[in-house]
PDB file of all heavy atoms in Angstrom:
ATOM      1  N   ALA A   1     -16.322 -67.267   1.349  1.00  0.00           N
ATOM      2  CA  ALA A   1     -16.999 -67.929   2.465  1.00  0.00           C
ATOM      3  C   ALA A   1     -16.053 -68.776   3.311  1.00  0.00           C
ATOM      4  O   ALA A   1     -16.517 -69.601   4.102  1.00  0.00           O
ATOM      5  CB  ALA A   1     -18.141 -68.798   1.940  1.00  0.00           C
ATOM      6  N   TYR A   2     -14.730 -68.583   3.186  1.00  0.00           N
ATOM      7  CA  TYR A   2     -13.769 -69.429   3.919  1.00  0.00           C
ATOM      8  C   TYR A   2     -12.573 -68.599   4.397  1.00  0.00           C
ATOM      9  O   TYR A   2     -11.437 -69.064   4.415  1.00  0.00           O
ATOM     10  CB  TYR A   2     -13.299 -70.576   3.025  1.00  0.00           C
ATOM     11  CG  TYR A   2     -12.782 -70.119   1.675  1.00  0.00           C
ATOM     12  CD1 TYR A   2     -11.439 -69.793   1.496  1.00  0.00           C
ATOM     13  CD2 TYR A   2     -13.636 -69.967   0.590  1.00  0.00           C
ATOM     14  CE1 TYR A   2     -10.965 -69.343   0.273  1.00  0.00           C
ATOM     15  CE2 TYR A   2     -13.170 -69.533  -0.634  1.00  0.00           C
ATOM     16  CZ  TYR A   2     -11.836 -69.224  -0.784  1.00  0.00           C
ATOM     17  OH  TYR A   2     -11.377 -68.778  -1.996  1.00  0.00           O
ATOM     18  N   SER A   3     -12.815 -67.388   4.835  1.00  0.00           N
ATOM     19  CA  SER A   3     -11.753 -66.456   5.215  1.00  0.00           C
ATOM     20  C   SER A   3     -11.292 -66.694   6.657  1.00  0.00           C
ATOM     21  O   SER A   3     -12.075 -67.127   7.504  1.00  0.00           O
ATOM     22  CB  SER A   3     -12.273 -65.022   5.071  1.00  0.00           C
ATOM     23  OG  SER A   3     -11.373 -64.092   5.617  1.00  0.00           O
ATOM     24  N   PRO A   4     -10.035 -66.363   6.983  1.00  0.00           N
ATOM     25  CA  PRO A   4      -9.597 -66.437   8.376  1.00  0.00           C
ATOM     26  C   PRO A   4     -10.178 -65.329   9.241  1.00  0.00           C
ATOM     27  O   PRO A   4     -10.192 -65.444  10.465  1.00  0.00           O
ATOM     28  CB  PRO A   4      -8.071 -66.307   8.284  1.00  0.00           C
ATOM     29  CG  PRO A   4      -7.817 -65.646   6.979  1.00  0.00           C
ATOM     30  CD  PRO A   4      -8.913 -66.094   6.062  1.00  0.00           C
ATOM     31  N   TRP A   5     -10.651 -64.221   8.622  1.00  0.00           N
ATOM     32  CA  TRP A   5     -11.294 -63.157   9.388  1.00  0.00           C
ATOM     33  C   TRP A   5     -12.611 -62.788   8.713  1.00  0.00           C
ATOM     34  O   TRP A   5     -12.832 -63.091   7.551  1.00  0.00           O
ATOM     35  CB  TRP A   5     -10.398 -61.936   9.539  1.00  0.00           C
ATOM     36  CG  TRP A   5     -10.165 -61.115   8.287  1.00  0.00           C
ATOM     37  CD1 TRP A   5      -9.290 -61.384   7.274  1.00  0.00           C
ATOM     38  CD2 TRP A   5     -10.813 -59.886   7.917  1.00  0.00           C
ATOM     39  NE1 TRP A   5      -9.343 -60.414   6.300  1.00  0.00           N
ATOM     40  CE2 TRP A   5     -10.270 -59.467   6.672  1.00  0.00           C
ATOM     41  CE3 TRP A   5     -11.793 -59.089   8.511  1.00  0.00           C
ATOM     42  CZ2 TRP A   5     -10.685 -58.308   6.021  1.00  0.00           C
ATOM     43  CZ3 TRP A   5     -12.195 -57.919   7.869  1.00  0.00           C
ATOM     44  CH2 TRP A   5     -11.641 -57.543   6.645  1.00  0.00           C
ATOM     45  N   GLU A   6     -13.492 -62.158   9.506  1.00  0.00           N
ATOM     46  CA  GLU A   6     -14.812 -61.823   8.989  1.00  0.00           C
ATOM     47  C   GLU A   6     -15.025 -60.318   8.987  1.00  0.00           C
ATOM     48  O   GLU A   6     -14.688 -59.618   9.953  1.00  0.00           O
ATOM     49  CB  GLU A   6     -15.897 -62.485   9.837  1.00  0.00           C
ATOM     50  CG  GLU A   6     -17.310 -62.077   9.434  1.00  0.00           C
ATOM     51  CD  GLU A   6     -18.241 -63.243   9.277  1.00  0.00           C
ATOM     52  OE1 GLU A   6     -17.762 -64.367   8.985  1.00  0.00           O
ATOM     53  OE2 GLU A   6     -19.449 -63.049   9.451  1.00  0.00           O
ATOM     54  N   GLY A   7     -15.572 -59.827   7.910  1.00  0.00           N
ATOM     55  CA  GLY A   7     -15.887 -58.414   7.808  1.00  0.00           C
ATOM     56  C   GLY A   7     -16.034 -58.009   6.361  1.00  0.00           C
ATOM     57  O   GLY A   7     -16.213 -58.846   5.475  1.00  0.00           O
ATOM     58  N   TYR A   8     -15.936 -56.706   6.112  1.00  0.00           N
ATOM     59  CA  TYR A   8     -16.160 -56.232   4.758  1.00  0.00           C
ATOM     60  C   TYR A   8     -15.491 -54.878   4.541  1.00  0.00           C
ATOM     61  O   TYR A   8     -15.220 -54.123   5.478  1.00  0.00           O
ATOM     62  CB  TYR A   8     -17.654 -56.141   4.438  1.00  0.00           C
ATOM     63  CG  TYR A   8     -18.511 -55.427   5.467  1.00  0.00           C
ATOM     64  CD1 TYR A   8     -18.952 -54.120   5.257  1.00  0.00           C
ATOM     65  CD2 TYR A   8     -18.905 -56.069   6.634  1.00  0.00           C
ATOM     66  CE1 TYR A   8     -19.752 -53.476   6.181  1.00  0.00           C
ATOM     67  CE2 TYR A   8     -19.701 -55.437   7.570  1.00  0.00           C
ATOM     68  CZ  TYR A   8     -20.129 -54.133   7.334  1.00  0.00           C
ATOM     69  OH  TYR A   8     -20.912 -53.505   8.261  1.00  0.00           O
ATOM     70  N   ARG A   9     -15.193 -54.643   3.280  1.00  0.00           N
ATOM     71  CA  ARG A   9     -14.661 -53.366   2.830  1.00  0.00           C
ATOM     72  C   ARG A   9     -15.527 -52.892   1.675  1.00  0.00           C
ATOM     73  O   ARG A   9     -15.781 -53.652   0.738  1.00  0.00           O
ATOM     74  CB  ARG A   9     -13.218 -53.505   2.344  1.00  0.00           C
ATOM     75  CG  ARG A   9     -12.220 -54.034   3.360  1.00  0.00           C
ATOM     76  CD  ARG A   9     -10.830 -54.036   2.743  1.00  0.00           C
ATOM     77  NE  ARG A   9      -9.794 -54.536   3.641  1.00  0.00           N
ATOM     78  CZ  ARG A   9      -9.288 -55.759   3.595  1.00  0.00           C
ATOM     79  NH1 ARG A   9      -9.730 -56.613   2.681  1.00  0.00           N
ATOM     80  NH2 ARG A   9      -8.345 -56.128   4.433  1.00  0.00           N
ATOM     81  N   VAL A  10     -15.965 -51.641   1.736  1.00  0.00           N
ATOM     82  CA  VAL A  10     -16.710 -51.076   0.618  1.00  0.00           C
ATOM     83  C   VAL A  10     -16.193 -49.666   0.383  1.00  0.00           C
ATOM     84  O   VAL A  10     -15.995 -48.900   1.325  1.00  0.00           O
ATOM     85  CB  VAL A  10     -18.230 -51.089   0.873  1.00  0.00           C
ATOM     86  CG1 VAL A  10     -18.611 -50.354   2.140  1.00  0.00           C
ATOM     87  CG2 VAL A  10     -18.982 -50.533  -0.319  1.00  0.00           C
ATOM     88  N   MET A  11     -15.926 -49.353  -0.877  1.00  0.00           N
ATOM     89  CA  MET A  11     -15.337 -48.071  -1.250  1.00  0.00           C
ATOM     90  C   MET A  11     -16.138 -47.465  -2.388  1.00  0.00           C
ATOM     91  O   MET A  11     -16.484 -48.162  -3.353  1.00  0.00           O
ATOM     92  CB  MET A  11     -13.878 -48.264  -1.668  1.00  0.00           C
ATOM     93  CG  MET A  11     -12.983 -48.695  -0.504  1.00  0.00           C
ATOM     94  SD  MET A  11     -11.627 -49.796  -1.000  1.00  0.00           S
ATOM     95  CE  MET A  11     -12.475 -51.361  -1.114  1.00  0.00           C
ATOM     96  N   PHE A  12     -16.440 -46.187  -2.269  1.00  0.00           N
ATOM     97  CA  PHE A  12     -17.201 -45.457  -3.268  1.00  0.00           C
ATOM     98  C   PHE A  12     -16.298 -44.392  -3.887  1.00  0.00           C
ATOM     99  O   PHE A  12     -15.709 -43.586  -3.164  1.00  0.00           O
ATOM    100  CB  PHE A  12     -18.407 -44.761  -2.633  1.00  0.00           C
ATOM    101  CG  PHE A  12     -19.335 -45.683  -1.890  1.00  0.00           C
ATOM    102  CD1 PHE A  12     -19.082 -46.015  -0.562  1.00  0.00           C
ATOM    103  CD2 PHE A  12     -20.466 -46.199  -2.497  1.00  0.00           C
ATOM    104  CE1 PHE A  12     -19.934 -46.850   0.135  1.00  0.00           C
ATOM    105  CE2 PHE A  12     -21.331 -47.036  -1.808  1.00  0.00           C
ATOM    106  CZ  PHE A  12     -21.066 -47.362  -0.490  1.00  0.00           C
ATOM    107  N   ASN A  13     -16.198 -44.383  -5.196  1.00  0.00           N
ATOM    108  CA  ASN A  13     -15.452 -43.354  -5.911  1.00  0.00           C
ATOM    109  C   ASN A  13     -16.434 -42.382  -6.550  1.00  0.00           C
ATOM    110  O   ASN A  13     -17.382 -42.809  -7.238  1.00  0.00           O
ATOM    111  CB  ASN A  13     -14.581 -43.987  -7.004  1.00  0.00           C
ATOM    112  CG  ASN A  13     -13.486 -44.851  -6.414  1.00  0.00           C
ATOM    113  OD1 ASN A  13     -12.726 -44.412  -5.555  1.00  0.00           O
ATOM    114  ND2 ASN A  13     -13.413 -46.095  -6.862  1.00  0.00           N
ATOM    115  N   GLY A  14     -16.211 -41.083  -6.325  1.00  0.00           N
ATOM    116  CA  GLY A  14     -17.119 -40.088  -6.856  1.00  0.00           C
ATOM    117  C   GLY A  14     -16.402 -38.937  -7.514  1.00  0.00           C
ATOM    118  O   GLY A  14     -15.165 -38.850  -7.494  1.00  0.00           O
ATOM    119  N   SER A  15     -17.183 -38.044  -8.082  1.00  0.00           N
ATOM    120  CA  SER A  15     -16.611 -36.902  -8.795  1.00  0.00           C
ATOM    121  C   SER A  15     -15.947 -35.903  -7.867  1.00  0.00           C
ATOM    122  O   SER A  15     -15.178 -35.045  -8.315  1.00  0.00           O
ATOM    123  CB  SER A  15     -17.717 -36.199  -9.596  1.00  0.00           C
ATOM    124  OG  SER A  15     -18.743 -35.724  -8.720  1.00  0.00           O
ATOM    125  N   ALA A  16     -16.216 -36.009  -6.540  1.00  0.00           N
ATOM    126  CA  ALA A  16     -15.617 -35.072  -5.583  1.00  0.00           C
ATOM    127  C   ALA A  16     -14.778 -35.779  -4.528  1.00  0.00           C
ATOM    128  O   ALA A  16     -14.367 -35.143  -3.546  1.00  0.00           O
ATOM    129  CB  ALA A  16     -16.716 -34.243  -4.909  1.00  0.00           C
ATOM    130  N   GLY A  17     -14.513 -37.081  -4.699  1.00  0.00           N
ATOM    131  CA  GLY A  17     -13.697 -37.768  -3.710  1.00  0.00           C
ATOM    132  C   GLY A  17     -14.064 -39.231  -3.565  1.00  0.00           C
ATOM    133  O   GLY A  17     -14.662 -39.832  -4.463  1.00  0.00           O
ATOM    134  N   ARG A  18     -13.729 -39.783  -2.413  1.00  0.00           N
ATOM    135  CA  ARG A  18     -13.864 -41.223  -2.172  1.00  0.00           C
ATOM    136  C   ARG A  18     -14.308 -41.438  -0.726  1.00  0.00           C
ATOM    137  O   ARG A  18     -13.848 -40.738   0.198  1.00  0.00           O
ATOM    138  CB  ARG A  18     -12.514 -41.893  -2.435  1.00  0.00           C
ATOM    139  CG  ARG A  18     -12.423 -43.396  -2.187  1.00  0.00           C
ATOM    140  CD  ARG A  18     -11.013 -43.849  -2.564  1.00  0.00           C
ATOM    141  NE  ARG A  18     -10.705 -45.207  -2.138  1.00  0.00           N
ATOM    142  CZ  ARG A  18     -10.782 -46.289  -2.912  1.00  0.00           C
ATOM    143  NH1 ARG A  18     -11.171 -46.156  -4.165  1.00  0.00           N
ATOM    144  NH2 ARG A  18     -10.457 -47.475  -2.450  1.00  0.00           N
ATOM    145  N   LEU A  19     -15.192 -42.422  -0.525  1.00  0.00           N
ATOM    146  CA  LEU A  19     -15.638 -42.803   0.810  1.00  0.00           C
ATOM    147  C   LEU A  19     -15.279 -44.267   1.019  1.00  0.00           C
ATOM    148  O   LEU A  19     -15.604 -45.120   0.181  1.00  0.00           O
ATOM    149  CB  LEU A  19     -17.148 -42.604   0.952  1.00  0.00           C
ATOM    150  CG  LEU A  19     -17.751 -42.834   2.341  1.00  0.00           C
ATOM    151  CD1 LEU A  19     -17.221 -41.819   3.344  1.00  0.00           C
ATOM    152  CD2 LEU A  19     -19.283 -42.783   2.280  1.00  0.00           C
ATOM    153  N   GLU A  20     -14.612 -44.577   2.150  1.00  0.00           N
ATOM    154  CA  GLU A  20     -14.108 -45.926   2.415  1.00  0.00           C
ATOM    155  C   GLU A  20     -14.621 -46.425   3.760  1.00  0.00           C
ATOM    156  O   GLU A  20     -14.464 -45.748   4.788  1.00  0.00           O
ATOM    157  CB  GLU A  20     -12.577 -45.933   2.448  1.00  0.00           C
ATOM    158  CG  GLU A  20     -11.935 -45.433   1.163  1.00  0.00           C
ATOM    159  CD  GLU A  20     -10.429 -45.276   1.266  1.00  0.00           C
ATOM    160  OE1 GLU A  20      -9.902 -45.295   2.411  1.00  0.00           O
ATOM    161  OE2 GLU A  20      -9.786 -45.128   0.222  1.00  0.00           O
ATOM    162  N   LEU A  21     -15.214 -47.603   3.760  1.00  0.00           N
ATOM    163  CA  LEU A  21     -15.676 -48.240   4.988  1.00  0.00           C
ATOM    164  C   LEU A  21     -14.999 -49.587   5.139  1.00  0.00           C
ATOM    165  O   LEU A  21     -14.976 -50.384   4.196  1.00  0.00           O
ATOM    166  CB  LEU A  21     -17.201 -48.433   4.949  1.00  0.00           C
ATOM    167  CG  LEU A  21     -17.806 -49.246   6.105  1.00  0.00           C
ATOM    168  CD1 LEU A  21     -17.636 -48.527   7.437  1.00  0.00           C
ATOM    169  CD2 LEU A  21     -19.292 -49.534   5.836  1.00  0.00           C
ATOM    170  N   GLU A  22     -14.445 -49.844   6.317  1.00  0.00           N
ATOM    171  CA  GLU A  22     -13.903 -51.175   6.641  1.00  0.00           C
ATOM    172  C   GLU A  22     -14.430 -51.587   8.003  1.00  0.00           C
ATOM    173  O   GLU A  22     -14.356 -50.811   8.965  1.00  0.00           O
ATOM    174  CB  GLU A  22     -12.379 -51.179   6.650  1.00  0.00           C
ATOM    175  CG  GLU A  22     -11.805 -52.561   6.984  1.00  0.00           C
ATOM    176  CD  GLU A  22     -10.298 -52.636   6.860  1.00  0.00           C
ATOM    177  OE1 GLU A  22      -9.615 -52.216   7.818  1.00  0.00           O
ATOM    178  OE2 GLU A  22      -9.826 -53.110   5.820  1.00  0.00           O
ATOM    179  N   VAL A  23     -14.971 -52.796   8.074  1.00  0.00           N
ATOM    180  CA  VAL A  23     -15.527 -53.328   9.314  1.00  0.00           C
ATOM    181  C   VAL A  23     -14.895 -54.692   9.582  1.00  0.00           C
ATOM    182  O   VAL A  23     -14.945 -55.582   8.721  1.00  0.00           O
ATOM    183  CB  VAL A  23     -17.056 -53.474   9.225  1.00  0.00           C
ATOM    184  CG1 VAL A  23     -17.607 -54.080  10.517  1.00  0.00           C
ATOM    185  CG2 VAL A  23     -17.707 -52.119   8.955  1.00  0.00           C
ATOM    186  N   GLU A  24     -14.296 -54.859  10.752  1.00  0.00           N
ATOM    187  CA  GLU A  24     -13.746 -56.150  11.185  1.00  0.00           C
ATOM    188  C   GLU A  24     -14.690 -56.737  12.229  1.00  0.00           C
ATOM    189  O   GLU A  24     -14.676 -56.329  13.384  1.00  0.00           O
ATOM    190  CB  GLU A  24     -12.354 -55.979  11.799  1.00  0.00           C
ATOM    191  CG  GLU A  24     -11.253 -55.697  10.809  1.00  0.00           C
ATOM    192  CD  GLU A  24      -9.900 -55.643  11.498  1.00  0.00           C
ATOM    193  OE1 GLU A  24      -9.771 -54.920  12.507  1.00  0.00           O
ATOM    194  OE2 GLU A  24      -8.977 -56.326  11.037  1.00  0.00           O
ATOM    195  N   GLU A  25     -15.526 -57.664  11.815  1.00  0.00           N
ATOM    196  CA  GLU A  25     -16.443 -58.286  12.767  1.00  0.00           C
ATOM    197  C   GLU A  25     -15.748 -59.354  13.601  1.00  0.00           C
ATOM    198  O   GLU A  25     -16.149 -59.626  14.726  1.00  0.00           O
ATOM    199  CB  GLU A  25     -17.635 -58.874  12.014  1.00  0.00           C
ATOM    200  CG  GLU A  25     -18.483 -57.795  11.355  1.00  0.00           C
ATOM    201  CD  GLU A  25     -19.717 -58.337  10.676  1.00  0.00           C
ATOM    202  OE1 GLU A  25     -19.754 -59.559  10.393  1.00  0.00           O
ATOM    203  OE2 GLU A  25     -20.636 -57.555  10.413  1.00  0.00           O
ATOM    204  N   SER A  26     -14.721 -59.969  13.046  1.00  0.00           N
ATOM    205  CA  SER A  26     -13.908 -60.946  13.767  1.00  0.00           C
ATOM    206  C   SER A  26     -12.527 -60.956  13.129  1.00  0.00           C
ATOM    207  O   SER A  26     -12.401 -61.209  11.932  1.00  0.00           O
ATOM    208  CB  SER A  26     -14.537 -62.347  13.686  1.00  0.00           C
ATOM    209  OG  SER A  26     -13.628 -63.327  14.151  1.00  0.00           O
ATOM    210  N   ARG A  27     -11.494 -60.676  13.915  1.00  0.00           N
ATOM    211  CA  ARG A  27     -10.145 -60.603  13.363  1.00  0.00           C
ATOM    212  C   ARG A  27      -9.556 -61.989  13.113  1.00  0.00           C
ATOM    213  O   ARG A  27      -8.699 -62.156  12.259  1.00  0.00           O
ATOM    214  CB  ARG A  27      -9.243 -59.790  14.300  1.00  0.00           C
ATOM    215  CG  ARG A  27      -9.720 -58.344  14.470  1.00  0.00           C
ATOM    216  CD  ARG A  27      -8.817 -57.535  15.382  1.00  0.00           C
ATOM    217  NE  ARG A  27      -7.508 -57.345  14.765  1.00  0.00           N
ATOM    218  CZ  ARG A  27      -6.376 -57.818  15.269  1.00  0.00           C
ATOM    219  NH1 ARG A  27      -6.389 -58.526  16.391  1.00  0.00           N
ATOM    220  NH2 ARG A  27      -5.241 -57.605  14.656  1.00  0.00           N
ATOM    221  N   TRP A  28     -10.017 -62.995  13.885  1.00  0.00           N
ATOM    222  CA  TRP A  28      -9.615 -64.386  13.657  1.00  0.00           C
ATOM    223  C   TRP A  28     -10.519 -65.282  14.498  1.00  0.00           C
ATOM    224  O   TRP A  28     -11.250 -64.794  15.364  1.00  0.00           O
ATOM    225  CB  TRP A  28      -8.148 -64.622  14.011  1.00  0.00           C
ATOM    226  CG  TRP A  28      -7.825 -64.519  15.482  1.00  0.00           C
ATOM    227  CD1 TRP A  28      -7.668 -63.368  16.208  1.00  0.00           C
ATOM    228  CD2 TRP A  28      -7.622 -65.601  16.402  1.00  0.00           C
ATOM    229  NE1 TRP A  28      -7.385 -63.655  17.528  1.00  0.00           N
ATOM    230  CE2 TRP A  28      -7.344 -65.019  17.674  1.00  0.00           C
ATOM    231  CE3 TRP A  28      -7.636 -66.983  16.291  1.00  0.00           C
ATOM    232  CZ2 TRP A  28      -7.092 -65.790  18.805  1.00  0.00           C
ATOM    233  CZ3 TRP A  28      -7.380 -67.754  17.420  1.00  0.00           C
ATOM    234  CH2 TRP A  28      -7.104 -67.154  18.656  1.00  0.00           C
ATOM    235  N   GLN A  29     -10.484 -66.566  14.224  1.00  0.00           N
ATOM    236  CA  GLN A  29     -11.312 -67.521  14.956  1.00  0.00           C
ATOM    237  C   GLN A  29     -10.457 -68.640  15.536  1.00  0.00           C
ATOM    238  O   GLN A  29      -9.559 -69.154  14.876  1.00  0.00           O
ATOM    239  CB  GLN A  29     -12.369 -68.136  14.035  1.00  0.00           C
ATOM    240  CG  GLN A  29     -13.513 -67.197  13.694  1.00  0.00           C
ATOM    241  CD  GLN A  29     -14.428 -66.915  14.865  1.00  0.00           C
ATOM    242  OE1 GLN A  29     -14.348 -67.549  15.910  1.00  0.00           O
ATOM    243  NE2 GLN A  29     -15.307 -65.938  14.692  1.00  0.00           N
ATOM    244  N   ALA A  30     -10.766 -69.000  16.778  1.00  0.00           N
ATOM    245  CA  ALA A  30     -10.145 -70.172  17.392  1.00  0.00           C
ATOM    246  C   ALA A  30     -10.701 -71.436  16.726  1.00  0.00           C
ATOM    247  O   ALA A  30     -11.821 -71.436  16.219  1.00  0.00           O
ATOM    248  CB  ALA A  30     -10.422 -70.189  18.893  1.00  0.00           C
ATOM    249  N   PRO A  31      -9.940 -72.533  16.717  1.00  0.00           N
ATOM    250  CA  PRO A  31     -10.360 -73.711  15.952  1.00  0.00           C
ATOM    251  C   PRO A  31     -11.599 -74.420  16.462  1.00  0.00           C
ATOM    252  O   PRO A  31     -12.310 -75.041  15.678  1.00  0.00           O
ATOM    253  CB  PRO A  31      -9.134 -74.633  16.012  1.00  0.00           C
ATOM    254  CG  PRO A  31      -8.350 -74.160  17.177  1.00  0.00           C
ATOM    255  CD  PRO A  31      -8.585 -72.702  17.273  1.00  0.00           C
ATOM    256  N   LEU A  32     -11.893 -74.366  17.762  1.00  0.00           N
ATOM    257  CA  LEU A  32     -13.069 -75.052  18.281  1.00  0.00           C
ATOM    258  C   LEU A  32     -14.199 -74.048  18.468  1.00  0.00           C
ATOM    259  O   LEU A  32     -14.041 -73.023  19.128  1.00  0.00           O
ATOM    260  CB  LEU A  32     -12.760 -75.756  19.591  1.00  0.00           C
ATOM    261  CG  LEU A  32     -11.764 -76.918  19.475  1.00  0.00           C
ATOM    262  CD1 LEU A  32     -11.550 -77.583  20.833  1.00  0.00           C
ATOM    263  CD2 LEU A  32     -12.245 -77.949  18.455  1.00  0.00           C
ATOM    264  N   THR A  33     -15.349 -74.336  17.868  1.00  0.00           N
ATOM    265  CA  THR A  33     -16.490 -73.444  17.916  1.00  0.00           C
ATOM    266  C   THR A  33     -17.048 -73.363  19.329  1.00  0.00           C
ATOM    267  O   THR A  33     -17.377 -74.376  19.942  1.00  0.00           O
ATOM    268  CB  THR A  33     -17.593 -73.928  16.965  1.00  0.00           C
ATOM    269  OG1 THR A  33     -17.075 -73.943  15.645  1.00  0.00           O
ATOM    270  CG2 THR A  33     -18.815 -73.039  17.035  1.00  0.00           C
ATOM    271  N   ARG A  34     -17.133 -72.142  19.848  1.00  0.00           N
ATOM    272  CA  ARG A  34     -17.732 -71.920  21.170  1.00  0.00           C
ATOM    273  C   ARG A  34     -18.920 -70.984  20.992  1.00  0.00           C
ATOM    274  O   ARG A  34     -18.779 -69.868  20.486  1.00  0.00           O
ATOM    275  CB  ARG A  34     -16.704 -71.293  22.121  1.00  0.00           C
ATOM    276  CG  ARG A  34     -17.194 -71.116  23.548  1.00  0.00           C
ATOM    277  CD  ARG A  34     -16.063 -70.625  24.431  1.00  0.00           C
ATOM    278  NE  ARG A  34     -15.613 -69.300  24.047  1.00  0.00           N
ATOM    279  CZ  ARG A  34     -16.127 -68.162  24.536  1.00  0.00           C
ATOM    280  NH1 ARG A  34     -17.118 -68.215  25.404  1.00  0.00           N
ATOM    281  NH2 ARG A  34     -15.659 -66.997  24.157  1.00  0.00           N
ATOM    282  N   ILE A  35     -20.108 -71.430  21.395  1.00  0.00           N
ATOM    283  CA  ILE A  35     -21.321 -70.641  21.210  1.00  0.00           C
ATOM    284  C   ILE A  35     -21.626 -69.882  22.492  1.00  0.00           C
ATOM    285  O   ILE A  35     -21.743 -70.469  23.570  1.00  0.00           O
ATOM    286  CB  ILE A  35     -22.499 -71.551  20.825  1.00  0.00           C
ATOM    287  CG1 ILE A  35     -22.184 -72.268  19.516  1.00  0.00           C
ATOM    288  CG2 ILE A  35     -23.788 -70.746  20.699  1.00  0.00           C
ATOM    289  CD1 ILE A  35     -23.169 -73.334  19.144  1.00  0.00           C
ATOM    290  N   THR A  36     -21.713 -68.558  22.383  1.00  0.00           N
ATOM    291  CA  THR A  36     -21.976 -67.722  23.556  1.00  0.00           C
ATOM    292  C   THR A  36     -23.361 -67.088  23.516  1.00  0.00           C
ATOM    293  O   THR A  36     -23.796 -66.506  24.493  1.00  0.00           O
ATOM    294  CB  THR A  36     -20.923 -66.603  23.657  1.00  0.00           C
ATOM    295  OG1 THR A  36     -20.943 -65.820  22.452  1.00  0.00           O
ATOM    296  CG2 THR A  36     -19.535 -67.180  23.854  1.00  0.00           C
ATOM    297  N   SER A  37     -24.062 -67.200  22.401  1.00  0.00           N
ATOM    298  CA  SER A  37     -25.381 -66.597  22.272  1.00  0.00           C
ATOM    299  C   SER A  37     -26.435 -67.462  22.941  1.00  0.00           C
ATOM    300  O   SER A  37     -26.442 -68.684  22.784  1.00  0.00           O
ATOM    301  CB  SER A  37     -25.733 -66.421  20.791  1.00  0.00           C
ATOM    302  OG  SER A  37     -27.097 -66.111  20.633  1.00  0.00           O
ATOM    303  N   ALA A  38     -27.358 -66.825  23.660  1.00  0.00           N
ATOM    304  CA  ALA A  38     -28.451 -67.559  24.299  1.00  0.00           C
ATOM    305  C   ALA A  38     -29.380 -68.177  23.266  1.00  0.00           C
ATOM    306  O   ALA A  38     -30.094 -69.142  23.561  1.00  0.00           O
ATOM    307  CB  ALA A  38     -29.234 -66.638  25.221  1.00  0.00           C
ATOM    308  N   SER A  39     -29.371 -67.637  22.044  1.00  0.00           N
ATOM    309  CA  SER A  39     -30.253 -68.165  20.999  1.00  0.00           C
ATOM    310  C   SER A  39     -29.584 -69.256  20.183  1.00  0.00           C
ATOM    311  O   SER A  39     -30.173 -69.764  19.222  1.00  0.00           O
ATOM    312  CB  SER A  39     -30.686 -67.033  20.065  1.00  0.00           C
ATOM    313  OG  SER A  39     -29.603 -66.581  19.282  1.00  0.00           O
ATOM    314  N   GLY A  40     -28.348 -69.624  20.519  1.00  0.00           N
ATOM    315  CA  GLY A  40     -27.651 -70.663  19.776  1.00  0.00           C
ATOM    316  C   GLY A  40     -27.038 -70.187  18.476  1.00  0.00           C
ATOM    317  O   GLY A  40     -26.666 -71.002  17.630  1.00  0.00           O
TER     318      GLY A  40
END
């Protein structure tokens, strides 16, 4: 819960191969929080 970047990696190993997913939702964050969503 304290990473410099946000996202996830999930990998499935199977009897016929492997499936790999990587998602980078945010590669890094600037130090001051800036809210751009209309919903806050």
